[in-house]
Amino acid sequence: MGTCHCSRCRKAGASTIVFVKQADLRWVQGRENVTLFQPEAPYKYGRCFCMTCGTSLGEILSQEDSFPIAANALDEDIGLKVQFHEHVAEKPDWYEICDEAPQSEVHPEQA
């Protein structure tokens, strides 16, 4: 679990993300209510949301082996703490990071 501070994630209300393995995801209900917003270049990743309530769901429709979903979409405590912060260069001045998790100015793979 980590927090992305890029403007896209903040605006989608999905800054804190949990990585899920495709093999571990099991749809119980509601799959038909999920839709995908595909951004224009240079952005790469589509964002999913619930058409019923508008909840931001991260990349829950991804076909990758693992993908991020929005932690705010989970109903129960999953027993995880933030392990990283990325894109902290885009973090607004009014937000203060208050944990000891490692921070990256950009996406760690871009650093």
N, C-alpha and C. Protein backbone atom coordinates (compact mmCIF):
# COMPACT_ATOMS: atom_id res chain seq x y z
N MET A 1 0.86 -1.16 0.00
CA MET A 1 0.00 0.00 0.00
C MET A 1 0.90 1.22 0.00
N GLY A 2 0.52 2.20 -0.81
CA GLY A 2 1.29 3.43 -0.88
C GLY A 2 0.41 4.60 -1.25
N THR A 3 1.00 5.79 -1.21
CA THR A 3 0.26 6.99 -1.56
C THR A 3 0.94 7.69 -2.71
N CYS A 4 0.16 7.97 -3.74
CA CYS A 4 0.63 8.73 -4.90
C CYS A 4 0.15 10.17 -4.73
N HIS A 5 1.05 11.10 -4.87
CA HIS A 5 0.71 12.51 -4.68
C HIS A 5 0.59 13.26 -6.01
N CYS A 6 0.52 12.54 -7.14
CA CYS A 6 0.37 13.21 -8.43
C CYS A 6 -1.02 13.85 -8.51
N SER A 7 -1.14 14.85 -9.34
CA SER A 7 -2.41 15.58 -9.42
C SER A 7 -3.54 14.70 -9.93
N ARG A 8 -3.26 13.77 -10.82
CA ARG A 8 -4.32 12.88 -11.33
C ARG A 8 -4.91 12.02 -10.22
N CYS A 9 -4.06 11.40 -9.42
CA CYS A 9 -4.57 10.54 -8.33
C CYS A 9 -5.31 11.36 -7.28
N ARG A 10 -4.77 12.52 -6.94
CA ARG A 10 -5.44 13.36 -5.95
C ARG A 10 -6.82 13.77 -6.43
N LYS A 11 -6.93 14.18 -7.68
CA LYS A 11 -8.22 14.63 -8.21
C LYS A 11 -9.23 13.50 -8.34
N ALA A 12 -8.74 12.28 -8.53
CA ALA A 12 -9.64 11.13 -8.63
C ALA A 12 -10.07 10.63 -7.25
N GLY A 13 -9.45 11.17 -6.19
CA GLY A 13 -9.77 10.70 -4.85
C GLY A 13 -9.25 9.31 -4.59
N ALA A 14 -8.17 8.97 -5.27
CA ALA A 14 -7.62 7.61 -5.16
C ALA A 14 -6.12 7.64 -4.90
N SER A 15 -5.67 8.53 -4.05
CA SER A 15 -4.24 8.69 -3.82
C SER A 15 -3.61 7.52 -3.08
N THR A 16 -4.29 6.95 -2.11
CA THR A 16 -3.73 5.81 -1.40
C THR A 16 -4.23 4.55 -2.08
N ILE A 17 -3.27 3.74 -2.51
CA ILE A 17 -3.57 2.59 -3.34
C ILE A 17 -3.05 1.30 -2.70
N VAL A 18 -3.72 0.22 -3.01
CA VAL A 18 -3.33 -1.11 -2.55
C VAL A 18 -3.12 -1.96 -3.80
N PHE A 19 -1.98 -2.61 -3.88
CA PHE A 19 -1.73 -3.47 -5.03
C PHE A 19 -2.35 -4.83 -4.81
N VAL A 20 -3.08 -5.30 -5.82
CA VAL A 20 -3.82 -6.56 -5.75
C VAL A 20 -3.32 -7.45 -6.88
N LYS A 21 -3.17 -8.72 -6.59
CA LYS A 21 -2.82 -9.68 -7.64
C LYS A 21 -4.10 -10.08 -8.37
N GLN A 22 -4.02 -10.08 -9.69
CA GLN A 22 -5.18 -10.45 -10.52
C GLN A 22 -5.77 -11.78 -10.07
N ALA A 23 -4.91 -12.75 -9.75
CA ALA A 23 -5.38 -14.08 -9.34
C ALA A 23 -6.14 -14.05 -8.02
N ASP A 24 -5.93 -13.03 -7.19
CA ASP A 24 -6.59 -12.93 -5.89
C ASP A 24 -7.90 -12.16 -5.93
N LEU A 25 -8.19 -11.49 -7.04
CA LEU A 25 -9.41 -10.71 -7.14
C LEU A 25 -10.57 -11.61 -7.54
N ARG A 26 -11.62 -11.57 -6.75
CA ARG A 26 -12.81 -12.36 -7.05
C ARG A 26 -14.02 -11.42 -7.00
N TRP A 27 -14.69 -11.26 -8.12
CA TRP A 27 -15.88 -10.43 -8.17
C TRP A 27 -17.05 -11.19 -7.55
N VAL A 28 -17.70 -10.57 -6.59
CA VAL A 28 -18.87 -11.16 -5.96
C VAL A 28 -20.12 -10.57 -6.60
N GLN A 29 -20.11 -9.27 -6.78
CA GLN A 29 -21.21 -8.57 -7.45
C GLN A 29 -20.74 -7.18 -7.85
N GLY A 30 -21.50 -6.55 -8.71
CA GLY A 30 -21.26 -5.17 -9.08
C GLY A 30 -20.32 -4.92 -10.24
N ARG A 31 -19.72 -5.94 -10.82
CA ARG A 31 -18.78 -5.75 -11.94
C ARG A 31 -19.42 -4.95 -13.07
N GLU A 32 -20.70 -5.17 -13.31
CA GLU A 32 -21.40 -4.47 -14.40
C GLU A 32 -21.56 -2.97 -14.13
N ASN A 33 -21.34 -2.54 -12.89
CA ASN A 33 -21.46 -1.13 -12.54
C ASN A 33 -20.14 -0.37 -12.60
N VAL A 34 -19.08 -1.05 -13.01
CA VAL A 34 -17.75 -0.43 -13.08
C VAL A 34 -17.49 0.01 -14.51
N THR A 35 -17.02 1.23 -14.64
CA THR A 35 -16.69 1.75 -15.97
C THR A 35 -15.26 2.30 -15.94
N LEU A 36 -14.70 2.49 -17.12
CA LEU A 36 -13.31 2.89 -17.27
C LEU A 36 -13.22 4.24 -17.97
N PHE A 37 -12.44 5.14 -17.38
CA PHE A 37 -12.08 6.39 -18.04
C PHE A 37 -10.67 6.22 -18.58
N GLN A 38 -10.50 6.30 -19.89
CA GLN A 38 -9.19 6.15 -20.51
C GLN A 38 -8.66 7.54 -20.86
N PRO A 39 -7.55 7.97 -20.25
CA PRO A 39 -7.03 9.32 -20.50
C PRO A 39 -6.30 9.42 -21.83
N GLU A 40 -6.11 10.65 -22.25
CA GLU A 40 -5.32 10.90 -23.46
C GLU A 40 -3.84 10.89 -23.09
N ALA A 41 -2.99 10.64 -24.09
CA ALA A 41 -1.54 10.68 -23.89
C ALA A 41 -1.15 12.05 -23.36
N PRO A 42 -0.18 12.16 -22.52
CA PRO A 42 0.85 11.18 -22.22
C PRO A 42 0.47 10.23 -21.10
N TYR A 43 -0.72 10.36 -20.55
CA TYR A 43 -1.12 9.48 -19.45
C TYR A 43 -1.41 8.09 -19.99
N LYS A 44 -1.04 7.09 -19.21
CA LYS A 44 -1.08 5.71 -19.66
C LYS A 44 -2.21 4.91 -19.03
N TYR A 45 -2.47 5.12 -17.76
CA TYR A 45 -3.36 4.24 -17.01
C TYR A 45 -4.78 4.76 -16.95
N GLY A 46 -5.72 3.86 -17.26
CA GLY A 46 -7.12 4.19 -17.15
C GLY A 46 -7.57 4.16 -15.70
N ARG A 47 -8.63 4.88 -15.40
CA ARG A 47 -9.17 4.92 -14.03
C ARG A 47 -10.57 4.36 -14.04
N CYS A 48 -10.84 3.49 -13.11
CA CYS A 48 -12.17 2.89 -13.00
C CYS A 48 -12.96 3.57 -11.89
N PHE A 49 -14.26 3.57 -12.07
CA PHE A 49 -15.13 4.10 -11.03
C PHE A 49 -16.48 3.41 -11.10
N CYS A 50 -17.21 3.49 -9.99
CA CYS A 50 -18.53 2.89 -9.90
C CYS A 50 -19.55 3.83 -10.53
N MET A 51 -20.32 3.33 -11.47
CA MET A 51 -21.34 4.16 -12.12
C MET A 51 -22.53 4.42 -11.20
N THR A 52 -22.68 3.64 -10.14
CA THR A 52 -23.79 3.82 -9.21
C THR A 52 -23.52 4.92 -8.20
N CYS A 53 -22.34 4.87 -7.55
CA CYS A 53 -22.05 5.82 -6.47
C CYS A 53 -20.91 6.77 -6.77
N GLY A 54 -20.15 6.53 -7.85
CA GLY A 54 -19.06 7.41 -8.22
C GLY A 54 -17.74 7.12 -7.53
N THR A 55 -17.68 6.08 -6.70
CA THR A 55 -16.44 5.76 -5.99
C THR A 55 -15.32 5.47 -6.97
N SER A 56 -14.17 6.07 -6.71
CA SER A 56 -12.97 5.83 -7.48
C SER A 56 -12.41 4.47 -7.10
N LEU A 57 -12.09 3.63 -8.10
CA LEU A 57 -11.68 2.25 -7.84
C LEU A 57 -10.26 1.94 -8.30
N GLY A 58 -9.54 2.92 -8.77
CA GLY A 58 -8.19 2.65 -9.26
C GLY A 58 -8.24 1.93 -10.59
N GLU A 59 -7.44 0.89 -10.73
CA GLU A 59 -7.32 0.16 -12.00
C GLU A 59 -7.90 -1.25 -11.90
N ILE A 60 -9.03 -1.37 -11.24
CA ILE A 60 -9.60 -2.68 -10.92
C ILE A 60 -9.96 -3.52 -12.15
N LEU A 61 -10.08 -2.93 -13.32
CA LEU A 61 -10.37 -3.70 -14.54
C LEU A 61 -9.10 -4.07 -15.30
N SER A 62 -7.95 -3.77 -14.74
CA SER A 62 -6.68 -4.06 -15.39
C SER A 62 -6.53 -5.55 -15.67
N GLN A 63 -5.85 -5.88 -16.75
CA GLN A 63 -5.55 -7.27 -17.08
C GLN A 63 -4.11 -7.63 -16.69
N GLU A 64 -3.39 -6.71 -16.05
CA GLU A 64 -2.03 -6.97 -15.58
C GLU A 64 -2.05 -8.02 -14.46
N ASP A 65 -0.90 -8.60 -14.16
CA ASP A 65 -0.80 -9.59 -13.09
C ASP A 65 -1.10 -8.99 -11.73
N SER A 66 -0.73 -7.73 -11.53
CA SER A 66 -1.08 -7.00 -10.32
C SER A 66 -1.37 -5.56 -10.71
N PHE A 67 -2.18 -4.90 -9.92
CA PHE A 67 -2.60 -3.54 -10.25
C PHE A 67 -3.07 -2.84 -8.99
N PRO A 68 -3.10 -1.50 -9.02
CA PRO A 68 -3.55 -0.76 -7.85
C PRO A 68 -5.06 -0.53 -7.84
N ILE A 69 -5.63 -0.68 -6.66
CA ILE A 69 -7.01 -0.26 -6.46
C ILE A 69 -7.01 0.79 -5.36
N ALA A 70 -8.01 1.62 -5.34
CA ALA A 70 -8.09 2.70 -4.36
C ALA A 70 -8.41 2.14 -2.99
N ALA A 71 -7.57 2.46 -2.00
CA ALA A 71 -7.79 1.98 -0.64
C ALA A 71 -9.11 2.51 -0.08
N ASN A 72 -9.52 3.69 -0.51
CA ASN A 72 -10.77 4.27 0.00
C ASN A 72 -12.00 3.49 -0.45
N ALA A 73 -11.83 2.57 -1.40
CA ALA A 73 -12.96 1.76 -1.88
C ALA A 73 -13.18 0.51 -1.02
N LEU A 74 -12.25 0.23 -0.13
CA LEU A 74 -12.35 -0.98 0.69
C LEU A 74 -13.16 -0.68 1.96
N ASP A 75 -14.07 -1.58 2.28
CA ASP A 75 -14.95 -1.38 3.43
C ASP A 75 -14.31 -1.76 4.76
N GLU A 76 -13.42 -2.72 4.76
CA GLU A 76 -12.86 -3.23 6.00
C GLU A 76 -11.39 -2.87 6.14
N ASP A 77 -10.91 -2.89 7.36
CA ASP A 77 -9.49 -2.67 7.63
C ASP A 77 -8.71 -3.85 7.05
N ILE A 78 -7.72 -3.56 6.22
CA ILE A 78 -6.96 -4.63 5.59
C ILE A 78 -5.64 -4.90 6.31
N GLY A 79 -5.40 -4.19 7.38
CA GLY A 79 -4.22 -4.46 8.19
C GLY A 79 -2.90 -4.01 7.58
N LEU A 80 -2.94 -3.08 6.65
CA LEU A 80 -1.72 -2.56 6.02
C LEU A 80 -1.50 -1.11 6.40
N LYS A 81 -0.25 -0.68 6.31
CA LYS A 81 0.12 0.72 6.51
C LYS A 81 0.81 1.19 5.23
N VAL A 82 0.83 2.48 5.01
CA VAL A 82 1.50 3.06 3.84
C VAL A 82 2.98 2.68 3.87
N GLN A 83 3.45 2.11 2.77
CA GLN A 83 4.83 1.65 2.64
C GLN A 83 5.69 2.57 1.78
N PHE A 84 5.07 3.48 1.03
CA PHE A 84 5.82 4.40 0.18
C PHE A 84 4.96 5.60 -0.19
N HIS A 85 5.64 6.66 -0.60
CA HIS A 85 5.00 7.85 -1.16
C HIS A 85 5.70 8.10 -2.49
N GLU A 86 4.92 8.32 -3.56
CA GLU A 86 5.52 8.62 -4.86
C GLU A 86 4.96 9.93 -5.39
N HIS A 87 5.68 10.52 -6.32
CA HIS A 87 5.33 11.80 -6.93
C HIS A 87 5.19 12.89 -5.87
N VAL A 88 6.06 12.86 -4.86
CA VAL A 88 5.98 13.88 -3.82
C VAL A 88 6.34 15.27 -4.35
N ALA A 89 6.98 15.34 -5.51
CA ALA A 89 7.27 16.65 -6.12
C ALA A 89 5.98 17.37 -6.51
N GLU A 90 4.89 16.62 -6.70
CA GLU A 90 3.59 17.22 -7.06
C GLU A 90 2.69 17.43 -5.85
N LYS A 91 3.15 17.05 -4.67
CA LYS A 91 2.36 17.18 -3.46
C LYS A 91 2.07 18.65 -3.19
N PRO A 92 0.83 19.01 -2.87
CA PRO A 92 0.54 20.41 -2.56
C PRO A 92 1.17 20.81 -1.23
N ASP A 93 1.49 22.08 -1.10
CA ASP A 93 2.13 22.58 0.11
C ASP A 93 1.28 22.38 1.37
N TRP A 94 -0.04 22.35 1.21
CA TRP A 94 -0.91 22.24 2.37
C TRP A 94 -0.95 20.82 2.95
N TYR A 95 -0.41 19.83 2.21
CA TYR A 95 -0.43 18.45 2.68
C TYR A 95 0.91 18.10 3.29
N GLU A 96 0.89 17.60 4.51
CA GLU A 96 2.11 17.19 5.19
C GLU A 96 2.13 15.67 5.33
N ILE A 97 3.20 15.05 4.88
CA ILE A 97 3.37 13.61 5.03
C ILE A 97 3.78 13.35 6.48
N CYS A 98 3.01 12.56 7.18
CA CYS A 98 3.22 12.37 8.62
C CYS A 98 3.60 10.95 9.00
N ASP A 99 4.31 10.26 8.12
CA ASP A 99 4.80 8.93 8.47
C ASP A 99 6.24 8.80 7.99
N GLU A 100 6.84 7.69 8.28
CA GLU A 100 8.25 7.47 7.97
C GLU A 100 8.46 6.65 6.69
N ALA A 101 7.41 6.42 5.92
CA ALA A 101 7.53 5.63 4.70
C ALA A 101 8.46 6.34 3.70
N PRO A 102 9.23 5.59 2.93
CA PRO A 102 10.12 6.18 1.94
C PRO A 102 9.36 7.06 0.95
N GLN A 103 10.02 8.12 0.50
CA GLN A 103 9.43 9.07 -0.43
C GLN A 103 10.24 9.15 -1.70
N SER A 104 9.53 9.29 -2.84
CA SER A 104 10.17 9.43 -4.14
C SER A 104 9.58 10.65 -4.82
N GLU A 105 10.44 11.49 -5.40
CA GLU A 105 9.98 12.69 -6.08
C GLU A 105 9.10 12.36 -7.28
N VAL A 106 9.35 11.22 -7.92
CA VAL A 106 8.60 10.75 -9.08
C VAL A 106 8.20 9.31 -8.80
N HIS A 107 7.73 8.61 -9.82
CA HIS A 107 7.46 7.18 -9.67
C HIS A 107 8.78 6.48 -9.45
N PRO A 108 8.90 5.56 -8.50
CA PRO A 108 10.19 4.92 -8.21
C PRO A 108 10.88 4.33 -9.43
N GLU A 109 10.13 3.83 -10.41
CA GLU A 109 10.76 3.27 -11.62
C GLU A 109 11.33 4.34 -12.51
N GLN A 110 10.92 5.61 -12.32
CA GLN A 110 11.42 6.71 -13.13
C GLN A 110 12.64 7.37 -12.49
N ALA A 111 12.87 7.08 -11.21
CA ALA A 111 13.96 7.74 -10.47
C ALA A 111 15.33 7.23 -10.91
